[in-house]
């Protein structure tokens, strides 16, 4: 079955950087678009970024210019490079294989704090 395992979260100060990874198994990774979502405390699930099978990328308005999504099909892994982090980027970050975010991993906590 589909398994998605996120890693790379942690505590960072404003303006800092983190790189999240999501390793996938149980499906043909290279043929699926991949998504990153996040859920901030007290808020709903928010789409962050996506990358399709030909590596075309799209970003949510709040992260464009600061976050970069990439994939390595040889490693069945999708990445999210997060730079210039803001306090409001604090959230649990999930990778997913569907545009609704319903098929997602367990998440990794990102905390931006001074």
N, C-alpha and C. Protein backbone atom coordinates (compact mmCIF):
# COMPACT_ATOMS: atom_id res chain seq x y z
N UNK A 1 0.83 -1.18 0.00
CA UNK A 1 0.00 0.00 0.00
C UNK A 1 0.88 1.25 0.00
N UNK A 2 0.23 2.37 -0.24
CA UNK A 2 0.95 3.64 -0.30
C UNK A 2 1.52 4.00 1.07
N UNK A 3 2.80 4.33 1.08
CA UNK A 3 3.44 4.84 2.29
C UNK A 3 4.21 6.10 1.95
N UNK A 4 4.02 7.11 2.77
CA UNK A 4 4.72 8.38 2.63
C UNK A 4 5.31 8.74 3.98
N UNK A 5 6.62 8.94 4.02
CA UNK A 5 7.30 9.22 5.29
C UNK A 5 8.07 10.53 5.17
N UNK A 6 7.59 11.52 5.90
CA UNK A 6 8.23 12.84 5.90
C UNK A 6 9.30 12.91 6.97
N UNK A 7 10.30 13.73 6.71
CA UNK A 7 11.37 13.97 7.69
C UNK A 7 11.99 15.33 7.42
N UNK A 8 12.80 15.79 8.36
CA UNK A 8 13.54 17.03 8.17
C UNK A 8 13.01 18.23 8.91
N UNK A 9 11.90 18.07 9.59
CA UNK A 9 11.36 19.18 10.35
C UNK A 9 12.22 19.52 11.55
N UNK A 10 11.89 20.62 12.21
CA UNK A 10 12.63 21.02 13.39
C UNK A 10 12.31 22.45 13.78
N UNK A 11 13.17 22.97 14.65
CA UNK A 11 13.03 24.33 15.17
C UNK A 11 14.08 25.22 14.49
N UNK A 12 13.62 26.35 13.98
CA UNK A 12 14.52 27.27 13.29
C UNK A 12 14.08 28.70 13.56
N UNK A 13 15.01 29.63 13.53
CA UNK A 13 14.68 31.02 13.75
C UNK A 13 14.15 31.69 12.49
N UNK A 14 13.49 32.82 12.63
CA UNK A 14 13.01 33.56 11.46
C UNK A 14 14.16 33.86 10.50
N UNK A 15 13.90 33.66 9.22
CA UNK A 15 14.93 33.85 8.21
C UNK A 15 15.76 32.62 7.94
N UNK A 16 15.57 31.58 8.73
CA UNK A 16 16.33 30.36 8.56
C UNK A 16 15.80 29.46 7.46
N UNK A 17 16.45 28.31 7.32
CA UNK A 17 16.11 27.37 6.25
C UNK A 17 15.98 25.96 6.81
N UNK A 18 15.15 25.19 6.14
CA UNK A 18 15.04 23.76 6.40
C UNK A 18 14.77 23.06 5.09
N UNK A 19 15.19 21.80 5.00
CA UNK A 19 14.82 20.98 3.84
C UNK A 19 14.06 19.75 4.32
N UNK A 20 12.84 19.63 3.87
CA UNK A 20 12.01 18.48 4.18
C UNK A 20 12.17 17.43 3.09
N UNK A 21 12.05 16.17 3.51
CA UNK A 21 12.08 15.05 2.56
C UNK A 21 10.85 14.20 2.78
N UNK A 22 10.42 13.55 1.73
CA UNK A 22 9.31 12.60 1.81
C UNK A 22 9.67 11.41 0.93
N UNK A 23 9.83 10.27 1.58
CA UNK A 23 10.16 9.05 0.86
C UNK A 23 8.90 8.22 0.67
N UNK A 24 8.69 7.80 -0.56
CA UNK A 24 7.44 7.13 -0.92
C UNK A 24 7.68 5.67 -1.28
N UNK A 25 6.67 4.86 -1.08
CA UNK A 25 6.70 3.46 -1.49
C UNK A 25 5.29 2.96 -1.72
N UNK A 26 5.18 1.82 -2.42
CA UNK A 26 3.88 1.21 -2.63
C UNK A 26 3.14 1.66 -3.87
N UNK A 27 3.75 2.49 -4.68
CA UNK A 27 3.15 2.93 -5.93
C UNK A 27 4.26 3.37 -6.88
N UNK A 28 3.89 3.60 -8.14
CA UNK A 28 4.86 3.99 -9.15
C UNK A 28 5.14 5.48 -9.03
N UNK A 29 6.12 5.80 -8.20
CA UNK A 29 6.38 7.18 -7.79
C UNK A 29 6.55 8.12 -8.99
N UNK A 30 7.31 7.71 -9.98
CA UNK A 30 7.66 8.62 -11.08
C UNK A 30 6.45 9.02 -11.93
N UNK A 31 5.36 8.28 -11.81
CA UNK A 31 4.18 8.57 -12.64
C UNK A 31 3.13 9.41 -11.92
N UNK A 32 3.41 9.80 -10.69
CA UNK A 32 2.47 10.57 -9.90
C UNK A 32 2.96 11.99 -9.65
N UNK A 33 2.06 12.97 -9.76
CA UNK A 33 2.41 14.27 -9.22
C UNK A 33 2.49 14.15 -7.69
N UNK A 34 3.29 14.99 -7.08
CA UNK A 34 3.44 14.97 -5.62
C UNK A 34 3.17 16.35 -5.06
N UNK A 35 2.66 16.37 -3.86
CA UNK A 35 2.20 17.61 -3.23
C UNK A 35 2.78 17.74 -1.83
N UNK A 36 2.97 18.99 -1.43
CA UNK A 36 3.22 19.33 -0.03
C UNK A 36 2.05 20.18 0.48
N UNK A 37 1.59 19.80 1.68
CA UNK A 37 0.56 20.55 2.38
C UNK A 37 1.09 20.91 3.76
N UNK A 38 0.39 21.78 4.44
CA UNK A 38 0.71 22.08 5.83
C UNK A 38 -0.55 22.42 6.59
N UNK A 39 -0.46 22.18 7.88
CA UNK A 39 -1.55 22.57 8.78
C UNK A 39 -0.96 23.34 9.94
N UNK A 40 -1.27 24.62 10.01
CA UNK A 40 -0.82 25.47 11.11
C UNK A 40 -1.74 25.27 12.31
N UNK A 41 -1.28 25.59 13.51
CA UNK A 41 -2.11 25.41 14.70
C UNK A 41 -3.45 26.14 14.55
N UNK A 42 -4.54 25.41 14.74
CA UNK A 42 -5.87 25.99 14.70
C UNK A 42 -6.39 26.30 13.31
N UNK A 43 -5.70 25.86 12.27
CA UNK A 43 -6.13 26.16 10.90
C UNK A 43 -6.33 24.89 10.10
N UNK A 44 -6.87 25.05 8.91
CA UNK A 44 -7.12 23.92 8.04
C UNK A 44 -5.91 23.55 7.22
N UNK A 45 -6.07 22.49 6.43
CA UNK A 45 -4.99 22.01 5.58
C UNK A 45 -4.77 22.99 4.43
N UNK A 46 -3.54 23.41 4.23
CA UNK A 46 -3.20 24.38 3.20
C UNK A 46 -2.24 23.75 2.19
N UNK A 47 -2.57 23.85 0.92
CA UNK A 47 -1.66 23.39 -0.13
C UNK A 47 -0.46 24.33 -0.19
N UNK A 48 0.74 23.76 -0.28
CA UNK A 48 1.97 24.55 -0.29
C UNK A 48 2.62 24.55 -1.67
N UNK A 49 2.80 23.34 -2.22
CA UNK A 49 3.52 23.23 -3.50
C UNK A 49 3.22 21.89 -4.13
N UNK A 50 3.44 21.81 -5.43
CA UNK A 50 3.28 20.54 -6.14
C UNK A 50 4.28 20.45 -7.27
N UNK A 51 4.55 19.20 -7.66
CA UNK A 51 5.46 18.94 -8.76
C UNK A 51 4.89 17.77 -9.54
N UNK A 52 4.82 17.90 -10.85
CA UNK A 52 4.20 16.84 -11.63
C UNK A 52 5.24 15.88 -12.19
N UNK A 53 4.77 14.99 -13.06
CA UNK A 53 5.63 13.92 -13.57
C UNK A 53 6.76 14.44 -14.45
N UNK A 54 6.58 15.61 -15.04
CA UNK A 54 7.65 16.18 -15.88
C UNK A 54 8.37 17.31 -15.14
N UNK A 55 8.20 17.31 -13.82
CA UNK A 55 8.91 18.23 -12.91
C UNK A 55 8.46 19.69 -13.05
N UNK A 56 7.28 19.91 -13.59
CA UNK A 56 6.70 21.25 -13.54
C UNK A 56 6.25 21.53 -12.11
N UNK A 57 6.50 22.74 -11.63
CA UNK A 57 6.23 23.06 -10.23
C UNK A 57 5.22 24.20 -10.11
N UNK A 58 4.50 24.17 -9.00
CA UNK A 58 3.53 25.21 -8.67
C UNK A 58 3.59 25.47 -7.17
N UNK A 59 3.30 26.73 -6.78
CA UNK A 59 3.44 27.12 -5.38
C UNK A 59 2.25 27.94 -4.92
N UNK A 60 1.96 27.80 -3.64
CA UNK A 60 0.96 28.65 -3.04
C UNK A 60 1.49 30.07 -2.88
N UNK A 61 0.58 31.02 -2.85
CA UNK A 61 0.99 32.41 -2.83
C UNK A 61 1.82 32.81 -1.63
N UNK A 62 1.61 32.14 -0.50
CA UNK A 62 2.32 32.54 0.71
C UNK A 62 3.77 32.05 0.74
N UNK A 63 4.14 31.15 -0.16
CA UNK A 63 5.49 30.59 -0.12
C UNK A 63 6.28 30.84 -1.40
N UNK A 64 5.63 31.37 -2.42
CA UNK A 64 6.31 31.53 -3.70
C UNK A 64 7.52 32.45 -3.54
N UNK A 65 8.63 32.02 -4.14
CA UNK A 65 9.87 32.77 -4.03
C UNK A 65 10.71 32.39 -2.82
N UNK A 66 10.14 31.62 -1.89
CA UNK A 66 10.88 31.22 -0.68
C UNK A 66 11.06 29.69 -0.60
N UNK A 67 10.10 28.95 -1.10
CA UNK A 67 10.13 27.48 -1.03
C UNK A 67 10.39 26.92 -2.43
N UNK A 68 11.06 25.78 -2.47
CA UNK A 68 11.34 25.09 -3.74
C UNK A 68 11.03 23.61 -3.58
N UNK A 69 10.19 23.10 -4.45
CA UNK A 69 9.87 21.67 -4.45
C UNK A 69 10.70 21.00 -5.54
N UNK A 70 11.16 19.79 -5.24
CA UNK A 70 11.94 19.02 -6.20
C UNK A 70 11.68 17.54 -5.95
N UNK A 71 12.02 16.72 -6.93
CA UNK A 71 11.85 15.28 -6.75
C UNK A 71 13.04 14.54 -7.34
N UNK A 72 13.30 13.38 -6.75
CA UNK A 72 14.34 12.48 -7.25
C UNK A 72 13.67 11.13 -7.46
N UNK A 73 13.32 10.83 -8.68
CA UNK A 73 12.59 9.59 -8.96
C UNK A 73 13.42 8.35 -8.68
N UNK A 74 14.74 8.45 -8.79
CA UNK A 74 15.60 7.30 -8.49
C UNK A 74 15.54 6.94 -7.01
N UNK A 75 15.24 7.92 -6.17
CA UNK A 75 15.16 7.69 -4.73
C UNK A 75 13.73 7.68 -4.20
N UNK A 76 12.76 7.79 -5.10
CA UNK A 76 11.35 7.85 -4.68
C UNK A 76 11.13 8.91 -3.61
N UNK A 77 11.74 10.06 -3.79
CA UNK A 77 11.71 11.08 -2.76
C UNK A 77 11.35 12.44 -3.36
N UNK A 78 10.53 13.17 -2.62
CA UNK A 78 10.20 14.55 -2.97
C UNK A 78 10.71 15.43 -1.83
N UNK A 79 11.21 16.59 -2.20
CA UNK A 79 11.82 17.51 -1.24
C UNK A 79 11.06 18.84 -1.20
N UNK A 80 11.21 19.53 -0.09
CA UNK A 80 10.74 20.90 0.01
C UNK A 80 11.83 21.71 0.69
N UNK A 81 12.52 22.52 -0.10
CA UNK A 81 13.52 23.43 0.44
C UNK A 81 12.81 24.71 0.87
N UNK A 82 12.94 25.04 2.14
CA UNK A 82 12.25 26.20 2.70
C UNK A 82 13.28 27.21 3.16
N UNK A 83 13.29 28.37 2.55
CA UNK A 83 14.21 29.45 2.88
C UNK A 83 13.43 30.66 3.37
N UNK A 84 14.14 31.57 4.01
CA UNK A 84 13.52 32.81 4.51
C UNK A 84 12.26 32.51 5.30
N UNK A 85 12.36 31.58 6.22
CA UNK A 85 11.19 31.14 6.97
C UNK A 85 10.63 32.26 7.84
N UNK A 86 9.30 32.29 7.89
CA UNK A 86 8.57 33.26 8.70
C UNK A 86 7.93 32.55 9.88
N UNK A 87 7.57 33.32 10.90
CA UNK A 87 6.88 32.75 12.06
C UNK A 87 5.62 32.00 11.61
N UNK A 88 4.92 32.56 10.62
CA UNK A 88 3.66 31.96 10.19
C UNK A 88 3.84 30.70 9.34
N UNK A 89 5.09 30.31 9.08
CA UNK A 89 5.33 29.02 8.41
C UNK A 89 5.28 27.86 9.40
N UNK A 90 5.16 28.15 10.68
CA UNK A 90 5.04 27.10 11.68
C UNK A 90 3.82 26.24 11.40
N UNK A 91 4.05 24.94 11.26
CA UNK A 91 2.96 24.02 10.90
C UNK A 91 3.50 22.60 10.88
N UNK A 92 2.58 21.66 10.80
CA UNK A 92 2.94 20.29 10.44
C UNK A 92 2.88 20.20 8.93
N UNK A 93 3.95 19.70 8.34
CA UNK A 93 4.05 19.60 6.88
C UNK A 93 3.87 18.15 6.45
N UNK A 94 3.05 17.99 5.41
CA UNK A 94 2.72 16.67 4.91
C UNK A 94 3.02 16.59 3.41
N UNK A 95 3.48 15.43 2.96
CA UNK A 95 3.47 15.20 1.54
C UNK A 95 2.27 14.32 1.20
N UNK A 96 1.83 14.42 -0.03
CA UNK A 96 0.62 13.72 -0.45
C UNK A 96 0.71 13.34 -1.92
N UNK A 97 -0.09 12.34 -2.30
CA UNK A 97 -0.11 11.94 -3.70
C UNK A 97 -1.41 12.35 -4.39
N UNK A 98 -2.23 13.13 -3.73
CA UNK A 98 -3.45 13.61 -4.37
C UNK A 98 -3.65 15.08 -4.05
N UNK A 99 -4.36 15.74 -4.94
CA UNK A 99 -4.51 17.19 -4.84
C UNK A 99 -5.35 17.63 -3.66
N UNK A 100 -6.12 16.73 -3.06
CA UNK A 100 -6.92 17.09 -1.89
C UNK A 100 -6.13 16.95 -0.60
N UNK A 101 -5.01 16.24 -0.67
CA UNK A 101 -4.23 16.03 0.54
C UNK A 101 -4.74 14.89 1.40
N UNK A 102 -5.72 14.17 0.93
CA UNK A 102 -6.28 13.09 1.75
C UNK A 102 -5.32 11.92 1.90
N UNK A 103 -4.54 11.62 0.86
CA UNK A 103 -3.58 10.52 0.93
C UNK A 103 -2.21 11.10 1.25
N UNK A 104 -1.97 11.30 2.52
CA UNK A 104 -0.75 11.96 2.96
C UNK A 104 -0.05 11.15 4.04
N UNK A 105 1.19 11.55 4.33
CA UNK A 105 1.94 10.89 5.37
C UNK A 105 1.57 11.38 6.76
N UNK A 106 2.43 11.03 7.73
CA UNK A 106 2.13 11.38 9.12
C UNK A 106 2.54 12.80 9.46
N UNK A 107 3.37 13.39 8.62
CA UNK A 107 3.75 14.78 8.80
C UNK A 107 5.05 14.95 9.57
N UNK A 108 5.61 16.14 9.43
CA UNK A 108 6.80 16.53 10.19
C UNK A 108 6.61 17.96 10.67
N UNK A 109 6.94 18.19 11.93
CA UNK A 109 6.69 19.49 12.56
C UNK A 109 7.79 20.48 12.19
N UNK A 110 7.38 21.65 11.75
CA UNK A 110 8.29 22.77 11.51
C UNK A 110 7.87 23.90 12.44
N UNK A 111 8.80 24.36 13.26
CA UNK A 111 8.52 25.45 14.17
C UNK A 111 9.51 26.59 13.90
N UNK A 112 8.97 27.73 13.60
CA UNK A 112 9.78 28.93 13.37
C UNK A 112 9.55 29.85 14.56
N UNK A 113 10.60 30.08 15.31
CA UNK A 113 10.46 30.85 16.54
C UNK A 113 11.75 31.58 16.84
N UNK A 114 11.59 32.76 17.41
CA UNK A 114 12.76 33.52 17.86
C UNK A 114 13.04 33.25 19.32
